[in-house]
Amino acid sequence: MRRYSVLLIPDPEEGGYTVTVPALPGCITEGDTLAEALENARDAIQLYLEDLQASGELIPEETAPPELAAVEV
């Protein structure tokens, strides 16, 4: 079983979350609730990996989780 970090970005105007997977470029989904966003992320990752496998491409592994930091400007 593989494990990938996901970034959940809340949408304060419309509600819900946009979800990206830093280790899988272009793997993006969304959900109206946190639980739905995470479930959709699982589905999106699985489909992404299945597509890579079907194309004969290497499946990326997340070697280290991304770090989140804030900067003031």
PDB file of N, CA and C in Angstrom:
ATOM      1  N   MET A   1       0.842  -1.175   0.000  1.00  0.00           N
ATOM      2  CA  MET A   1       0.000   0.000   0.000  1.00  0.00           C
ATOM      3  C   MET A   1       0.889   1.239   0.000  1.00  0.00           C
ATOM      4  N   ARG A   2       0.558   2.179  -0.843  1.00  0.00           N
ATOM      5  CA  ARG A   2       1.314   3.428  -0.939  1.00  0.00           C
ATOM      6  C   ARG A   2       0.646   4.501  -0.075  1.00  0.00           C
ATOM      7  N   ARG A   3       1.444   5.490   0.309  1.00  0.00           N
ATOM      8  CA  ARG A   3       0.928   6.589   1.119  1.00  0.00           C
ATOM      9  C   ARG A   3       1.391   7.897   0.489  1.00  0.00           C
ATOM     10  N   TYR A   4       0.444   8.815   0.274  1.00  0.00           N
ATOM     11  CA  TYR A   4       0.745  10.117  -0.308  1.00  0.00           C
ATOM     12  C   TYR A   4       0.165  11.224   0.562  1.00  0.00           C
ATOM     13  N   SER A   5       0.900  12.298   0.705  1.00  0.00           N
ATOM     14  CA  SER A   5       0.402  13.481   1.393  1.00  0.00           C
ATOM     15  C   SER A   5      -0.514  14.237   0.451  1.00  0.00           C
ATOM     16  N   VAL A   6      -1.553  14.831   1.017  1.00  0.00           N
ATOM     17  CA  VAL A   6      -2.459  15.660   0.229  1.00  0.00           C
ATOM     18  C   VAL A   6      -2.533  17.041   0.873  1.00  0.00           C
ATOM     19  N   LEU A   7      -2.743  18.047   0.049  1.00  0.00           N
ATOM     20  CA  LEU A   7      -2.894  19.413   0.513  1.00  0.00           C
ATOM     21  C   LEU A   7      -4.353  19.792   0.343  1.00  0.00           C
ATOM     22  N   LEU A   8      -5.012  20.129   1.448  1.00  0.00           N
ATOM     23  CA  LEU A   8      -6.422  20.512   1.434  1.00  0.00           C
ATOM     24  C   LEU A   8      -6.511  22.028   1.554  1.00  0.00           C
ATOM     25  N   ILE A   9      -7.040  22.662   0.525  1.00  0.00           N
ATOM     26  CA  ILE A   9      -7.127  24.121   0.501  1.00  0.00           C
ATOM     27  C   ILE A   9      -8.598  24.506   0.648  1.00  0.00           C
ATOM     28  N   PRO A  10      -8.968  25.127   1.785  1.00  0.00           N
ATOM     29  CA  PRO A  10     -10.370  25.506   1.965  1.00  0.00           C
ATOM     30  C   PRO A  10     -10.772  26.638   1.025  1.00  0.00           C
ATOM     31  N   ASP A  11     -12.020  26.615   0.591  1.00  0.00           N
ATOM     32  CA  ASP A  11     -12.562  27.673  -0.251  1.00  0.00           C
ATOM     33  C   ASP A  11     -13.553  28.470   0.590  1.00  0.00           C
ATOM     34  N   PRO A  12     -13.126  29.612   1.152  1.00  0.00           N
ATOM     35  CA  PRO A  12     -13.994  30.362   2.056  1.00  0.00           C
ATOM     36  C   PRO A  12     -15.227  30.952   1.377  1.00  0.00           C
ATOM     37  N   GLU A  13     -15.172  31.188   0.078  1.00  0.00           N
ATOM     38  CA  GLU A  13     -16.299  31.790  -0.632  1.00  0.00           C
ATOM     39  C   GLU A  13     -17.380  30.776  -0.974  1.00  0.00           C
ATOM     40  N   GLU A  14     -16.993  29.620  -1.491  1.00  0.00           N
ATOM     41  CA  GLU A  14     -17.966  28.627  -1.930  1.00  0.00           C
ATOM     42  C   GLU A  14     -18.070  27.438  -0.985  1.00  0.00           C
ATOM     43  N   GLY A  15     -17.163  27.355  -0.023  1.00  0.00           N
ATOM     44  CA  GLY A  15     -17.142  26.225   0.879  1.00  0.00           C
ATOM     45  C   GLY A  15     -16.408  25.056   0.257  1.00  0.00           C
ATOM     46  N   GLY A  16     -16.164  24.046   1.036  1.00  0.00           N
ATOM     47  CA  GLY A  16     -15.480  22.854   0.546  1.00  0.00           C
ATOM     48  C   GLY A  16     -13.985  23.044   0.463  1.00  0.00           C
ATOM     49  N   TYR A  17     -13.355  22.091  -0.197  1.00  0.00           N
ATOM     50  CA  TYR A  17     -11.899  22.034  -0.277  1.00  0.00           C
ATOM     51  C   TYR A  17     -11.450  21.645  -1.681  1.00  0.00           C
ATOM     52  N   THR A  18     -10.323  22.197  -2.092  1.00  0.00           N
ATOM     53  CA  THR A  18      -9.603  21.716  -3.258  1.00  0.00           C
ATOM     54  C   THR A  18      -8.449  20.882  -2.715  1.00  0.00           C
ATOM     55  N   VAL A  19      -8.211  19.732  -3.341  1.00  0.00           N
ATOM     56  CA  VAL A  19      -7.177  18.822  -2.861  1.00  0.00           C
ATOM     57  C   VAL A  19      -6.148  18.596  -3.965  1.00  0.00           C
ATOM     58  N   THR A  20      -4.875  18.764  -3.622  1.00  0.00           N
ATOM     59  CA  THR A  20      -3.792  18.445  -4.549  1.00  0.00           C
ATOM     60  C   THR A  20      -2.879  17.412  -3.897  1.00  0.00           C
ATOM     61  N   VAL A  21      -2.164  16.690  -4.752  1.00  0.00           N
ATOM     62  CA  VAL A  21      -1.232  15.668  -4.289  1.00  0.00           C
ATOM     63  C   VAL A  21       0.147  16.073  -4.802  1.00  0.00           C
ATOM     64  N   PRO A  22       0.978  16.675  -3.956  1.00  0.00           N
ATOM     65  CA  PRO A  22       2.267  17.199  -4.420  1.00  0.00           C
ATOM     66  C   PRO A  22       3.147  16.180  -5.147  1.00  0.00           C
ATOM     67  N   ALA A  23       3.116  14.927  -4.750  1.00  0.00           N
ATOM     68  CA  ALA A  23       3.975  13.914  -5.378  1.00  0.00           C
ATOM     69  C   ALA A  23       3.440  13.450  -6.732  1.00  0.00           C
ATOM     70  N   LEU A  24       2.180  13.816  -7.039  1.00  0.00           N
ATOM     71  CA  LEU A  24       1.550  13.388  -8.300  1.00  0.00           C
ATOM     72  C   LEU A  24       1.057  14.621  -9.047  1.00  0.00           C
ATOM     73  N   PRO A  25       1.928  15.254  -9.826  1.00  0.00           N
ATOM     74  CA  PRO A  25       1.556  16.489 -10.521  1.00  0.00           C
ATOM     75  C   PRO A  25       0.288  16.327 -11.352  1.00  0.00           C
ATOM     76  N   GLY A  26      -0.639  17.254 -11.176  1.00  0.00           N
ATOM     77  CA  GLY A  26      -1.881  17.223 -11.939  1.00  0.00           C
ATOM     78  C   GLY A  26      -2.980  16.415 -11.268  1.00  0.00           C
ATOM     79  N   CYS A  27      -2.690  15.773 -10.163  1.00  0.00           N
ATOM     80  CA  CYS A  27      -3.705  15.001  -9.444  1.00  0.00           C
ATOM     81  C   CYS A  27      -4.419  15.967  -8.497  1.00  0.00           C
ATOM     82  N   ILE A  28      -5.604  16.407  -8.921  1.00  0.00           N
ATOM     83  CA  ILE A  28      -6.369  17.423  -8.198  1.00  0.00           C
ATOM     84  C   ILE A  28      -7.820  16.968  -8.119  1.00  0.00           C
ATOM     85  N   THR A  29      -8.447  17.214  -6.978  1.00  0.00           N
ATOM     86  CA  THR A  29      -9.864  16.912  -6.816  1.00  0.00           C
ATOM     87  C   THR A  29     -10.440  17.916  -5.828  1.00  0.00           C
ATOM     88  N   GLU A  30     -11.689  17.703  -5.430  1.00  0.00           N
ATOM     89  CA  GLU A  30     -12.322  18.605  -4.479  1.00  0.00           C
ATOM     90  C   GLU A  30     -13.398  17.861  -3.706  1.00  0.00           C
ATOM     91  N   GLY A  31     -13.939  18.511  -2.702  1.00  0.00           N
ATOM     92  CA  GLY A  31     -15.023  17.935  -1.927  1.00  0.00           C
ATOM     93  C   GLY A  31     -15.715  19.006  -1.115  1.00  0.00           C
ATOM     94  N   ASP A  32     -16.996  18.814  -0.852  1.00  0.00           N
ATOM     95  CA  ASP A  32     -17.770  19.784  -0.083  1.00  0.00           C
ATOM     96  C   ASP A  32     -17.446  19.744   1.404  1.00  0.00           C
ATOM     97  N   THR A  33     -17.012  18.600   1.900  1.00  0.00           N
ATOM     98  CA  THR A  33     -16.632  18.451   3.305  1.00  0.00           C
ATOM     99  C   THR A  33     -15.231  17.871   3.357  1.00  0.00           C
ATOM    100  N   LEU A  34     -14.635  17.914   4.541  1.00  0.00           N
ATOM    101  CA  LEU A  34     -13.304  17.339   4.701  1.00  0.00           C
ATOM    102  C   LEU A  34     -13.322  15.848   4.390  1.00  0.00           C
ATOM    103  N   ALA A  35     -14.331  15.141   4.899  1.00  0.00           N
ATOM    104  CA  ALA A  35     -14.426  13.699   4.651  1.00  0.00           C
ATOM    105  C   ALA A  35     -14.596  13.405   3.169  1.00  0.00           C
ATOM    106  N   GLU A  36     -15.442  14.171   2.498  1.00  0.00           N
ATOM    107  CA  GLU A  36     -15.649  13.953   1.063  1.00  0.00           C
ATOM    108  C   GLU A  36     -14.382  14.275   0.279  1.00  0.00           C
ATOM    109  N   ALA A  37     -13.686  15.334   0.666  1.00  0.00           N
ATOM    110  CA  ALA A  37     -12.447  15.712  -0.022  1.00  0.00           C
ATOM    111  C   ALA A  37     -11.402  14.610   0.111  1.00  0.00           C
ATOM    112  N   LEU A  38     -11.285  14.021   1.296  1.00  0.00           N
ATOM    113  CA  LEU A  38     -10.315  12.939   1.490  1.00  0.00           C
ATOM    114  C   LEU A  38     -10.712  11.681   0.721  1.00  0.00           C
ATOM    115  N   GLU A  39     -11.981  11.356   0.696  1.00  0.00           N
ATOM    116  CA  GLU A  39     -12.443  10.190  -0.070  1.00  0.00           C
ATOM    117  C   GLU A  39     -12.204  10.410  -1.565  1.00  0.00           C
ATOM    118  N   ASN A  40     -12.492  11.612  -2.048  1.00  0.00           N
ATOM    119  CA  ASN A  40     -12.245  11.930  -3.457  1.00  0.00           C
ATOM    120  C   ASN A  40     -10.749  11.894  -3.764  1.00  0.00           C
ATOM    121  N   ALA A  41      -9.930  12.280  -2.791  1.00  0.00           N
ATOM    122  CA  ALA A  41      -8.475  12.223  -2.984  1.00  0.00           C
ATOM    123  C   ALA A  41      -8.030  10.776  -3.149  1.00  0.00           C
ATOM    124  N   ARG A  42      -8.556   9.879  -2.325  1.00  0.00           N
ATOM    125  CA  ARG A  42      -8.210   8.456  -2.458  1.00  0.00           C
ATOM    126  C   ARG A  42      -8.572   7.944  -3.856  1.00  0.00           C
ATOM    127  N   ASP A  43      -9.777   8.299  -4.300  1.00  0.00           N
ATOM    128  CA  ASP A  43     -10.224   7.863  -5.627  1.00  0.00           C
ATOM    129  C   ASP A  43      -9.343   8.442  -6.730  1.00  0.00           C
ATOM    130  N   ALA A  44      -9.034   9.740  -6.627  1.00  0.00           N
ATOM    131  CA  ALA A  44      -8.224  10.396  -7.653  1.00  0.00           C
ATOM    132  C   ALA A  44      -6.821   9.799  -7.711  1.00  0.00           C
ATOM    133  N   ILE A  45      -6.235   9.524  -6.547  1.00  0.00           N
ATOM    134  CA  ILE A  45      -4.899   8.929  -6.509  1.00  0.00           C
ATOM    135  C   ILE A  45      -4.929   7.542  -7.136  1.00  0.00           C
ATOM    136  N   GLN A  46      -5.928   6.753  -6.782  1.00  0.00           N
ATOM    137  CA  GLN A  46      -6.017   5.402  -7.340  1.00  0.00           C
ATOM    138  C   GLN A  46      -6.147   5.440  -8.864  1.00  0.00           C
ATOM    139  N   LEU A  47      -7.000   6.317  -9.380  1.00  0.00           N
ATOM    140  CA  LEU A  47      -7.157   6.429 -10.835  1.00  0.00           C
ATOM    141  C   LEU A  47      -5.876   6.924 -11.494  1.00  0.00           C
ATOM    142  N   TYR A  48      -5.213   7.870 -10.867  1.00  0.00           N
ATOM    143  CA  TYR A  48      -3.957   8.406 -11.377  1.00  0.00           C
ATOM    144  C   TYR A  48      -2.919   7.294 -11.485  1.00  0.00           C
ATOM    145  N   LEU A  49      -2.789   6.493 -10.417  1.00  0.00           N
ATOM    146  CA  LEU A  49      -1.815   5.404 -10.412  1.00  0.00           C
ATOM    147  C   LEU A  49      -2.172   4.325 -11.419  1.00  0.00           C
ATOM    148  N   GLU A  50      -3.457   4.011 -11.560  1.00  0.00           N
ATOM    149  CA  GLU A  50      -3.891   3.023 -12.550  1.00  0.00           C
ATOM    150  C   GLU A  50      -3.553   3.489 -13.962  1.00  0.00           C
ATOM    151  N   ASP A  51      -3.732   4.792 -14.219  1.00  0.00           N
ATOM    152  CA  ASP A  51      -3.413   5.339 -15.534  1.00  0.00           C
ATOM    153  C   ASP A  51      -1.912   5.255 -15.810  1.00  0.00           C
ATOM    154  N   LEU A  52      -1.104   5.578 -14.806  1.00  0.00           N
ATOM    155  CA  LEU A  52       0.350   5.462 -14.980  1.00  0.00           C
ATOM    156  C   LEU A  52       0.744   4.021 -15.277  1.00  0.00           C
ATOM    157  N   GLN A  53       0.173   3.098 -14.519  1.00  0.00           N
ATOM    158  CA  GLN A  53       0.496   1.685 -14.697  1.00  0.00           C
ATOM    159  C   GLN A  53       0.079   1.203 -16.088  1.00  0.00           C
ATOM    160  N   ALA A  54      -1.104   1.594 -16.542  1.00  0.00           N
ATOM    161  CA  ALA A  54      -1.595   1.186 -17.858  1.00  0.00           C
ATOM    162  C   ALA A  54      -0.714   1.743 -18.978  1.00  0.00           C
ATOM    163  N   SER A  55      -0.112   2.911 -18.724  1.00  0.00           N
ATOM    164  CA  SER A  55       0.758   3.540 -19.718  1.00  0.00           C
ATOM    165  C   SER A  55       2.194   3.040 -19.633  1.00  0.00           C
ATOM    166  N   GLY A  56       2.475   2.171 -18.658  1.00  0.00           N
ATOM    167  CA  GLY A  56       3.820   1.651 -18.495  1.00  0.00           C
ATOM    168  C   GLY A  56       4.778   2.628 -17.850  1.00  0.00           C
ATOM    169  N   GLU A  57       4.239   3.673 -17.222  1.00  0.00           N
ATOM    170  CA  GLU A  57       5.089   4.667 -16.579  1.00  0.00           C
ATOM    171  C   GLU A  57       5.386   4.253 -15.138  1.00  0.00           C
ATOM    172  N   LEU A  58       6.478   4.791 -14.615  1.00  0.00           N
ATOM    173  CA  LEU A  58       6.842   4.522 -13.232  1.00  0.00           C
ATOM    174  C   LEU A  58       5.874   5.222 -12.288  1.00  0.00           C
ATOM    175  N   ILE A  59       5.566   4.569 -11.186  1.00  0.00           N
ATOM    176  CA  ILE A  59       4.694   5.158 -10.182  1.00  0.00           C
ATOM    177  C   ILE A  59       5.572   5.887  -9.176  1.00  0.00           C
ATOM    178  N   PRO A  60       5.360   7.211  -9.039  1.00  0.00           N
ATOM    179  CA  PRO A  60       6.180   7.978  -8.094  1.00  0.00           C
ATOM    180  C   PRO A  60       5.910   7.562  -6.653  1.00  0.00           C
ATOM    181  N   GLU A  61       6.946   7.537  -5.865  1.00  0.00           N
ATOM    182  CA  GLU A  61       6.829   7.282  -4.433  1.00  0.00           C
ATOM    183  C   GLU A  61       7.120   8.594  -3.717  1.00  0.00           C
ATOM    184  N   GLU A  62       6.411   8.844  -2.671  1.00  0.00           N
ATOM    185  CA  GLU A  62       6.690  10.024  -1.861  1.00  0.00           C
ATOM    186  C   GLU A  62       7.793   9.646  -0.876  1.00  0.00           C
ATOM    187  N   THR A  63       8.974  10.195  -1.079  1.00  0.00           N
ATOM    188  CA  THR A  63      10.108   9.830  -0.237  1.00  0.00           C
ATOM    189  C   THR A  63      10.130  10.620   1.065  1.00  0.00           C
ATOM    190  N   ALA A  64       9.605  11.824   1.031  1.00  0.00           N
ATOM    191  CA  ALA A  64       9.515  12.654   2.233  1.00  0.00           C
ATOM    192  C   ALA A  64       8.268  13.523   2.101  1.00  0.00           C
ATOM    193  N   PRO A  65       7.527  13.686   3.163  1.00  0.00           N
ATOM    194  CA  PRO A  65       6.323  14.516   3.065  1.00  0.00           C
ATOM    195  C   PRO A  65       6.693  15.971   2.799  1.00  0.00           C
ATOM    196  N   PRO A  66       5.835  16.692   2.084  1.00  0.00           N
ATOM    197  CA  PRO A  66       6.119  18.101   1.834  1.00  0.00           C
ATOM    198  C   PRO A  66       6.050  18.876   3.144  1.00  0.00           C
ATOM    199  N   GLU A  67       6.758  19.996   3.166  1.00  0.00           N
ATOM    200  CA  GLU A  67       6.731  20.854   4.340  1.00  0.00           C
ATOM    201  C   GLU A  67       5.900  22.093   4.017  1.00  0.00           C
ATOM    202  N   LEU A  68       5.128  22.522   4.971  1.00  0.00           N
ATOM    203  CA  LEU A  68       4.312  23.710   4.818  1.00  0.00           C
ATOM    204  C   LEU A  68       4.900  24.807   5.697  1.00  0.00           C
ATOM    205  N   ALA A  69       5.108  25.969   5.118  1.00  0.00           N
ATOM    206  CA  ALA A  69       5.658  27.090   5.866  1.00  0.00           C
ATOM    207  C   ALA A  69       4.922  28.351   5.446  1.00  0.00           C
ATOM    208  N   ALA A  70       4.968  29.355   6.286  1.00  0.00           N
ATOM    209  CA  ALA A  70       4.364  30.651   5.972  1.00  0.00           C
ATOM    210  C   ALA A  70       5.456  31.703   5.989  1.00  0.00           C
ATOM    211  N   VAL A  71       5.319  32.672   5.110  1.00  0.00           N
ATOM    212  CA  VAL A  71       6.240  33.798   5.089  1.00  0.00           C
ATOM    213  C   VAL A  71       5.416  35.086   5.141  1.00  0.00           C
ATOM    214  N   GLU A  72       5.946  36.059   5.817  1.00  0.00           N
ATOM    215  CA  GLU A  72       5.284  37.356   5.886  1.00  0.00           C
ATOM    216  C   GLU A  72       5.902  38.277   4.859  1.00  0.00           C
ATOM    217  N   VAL A  73       5.052  39.058   4.192  1.00  0.00           N
ATOM    218  CA  VAL A  73       5.545  40.028   3.203  1.00  0.00           C
ATOM    219  C   VAL A  73       4.926  41.375   3.450  1.00  0.00           C
TER     220      VAL A  73
END
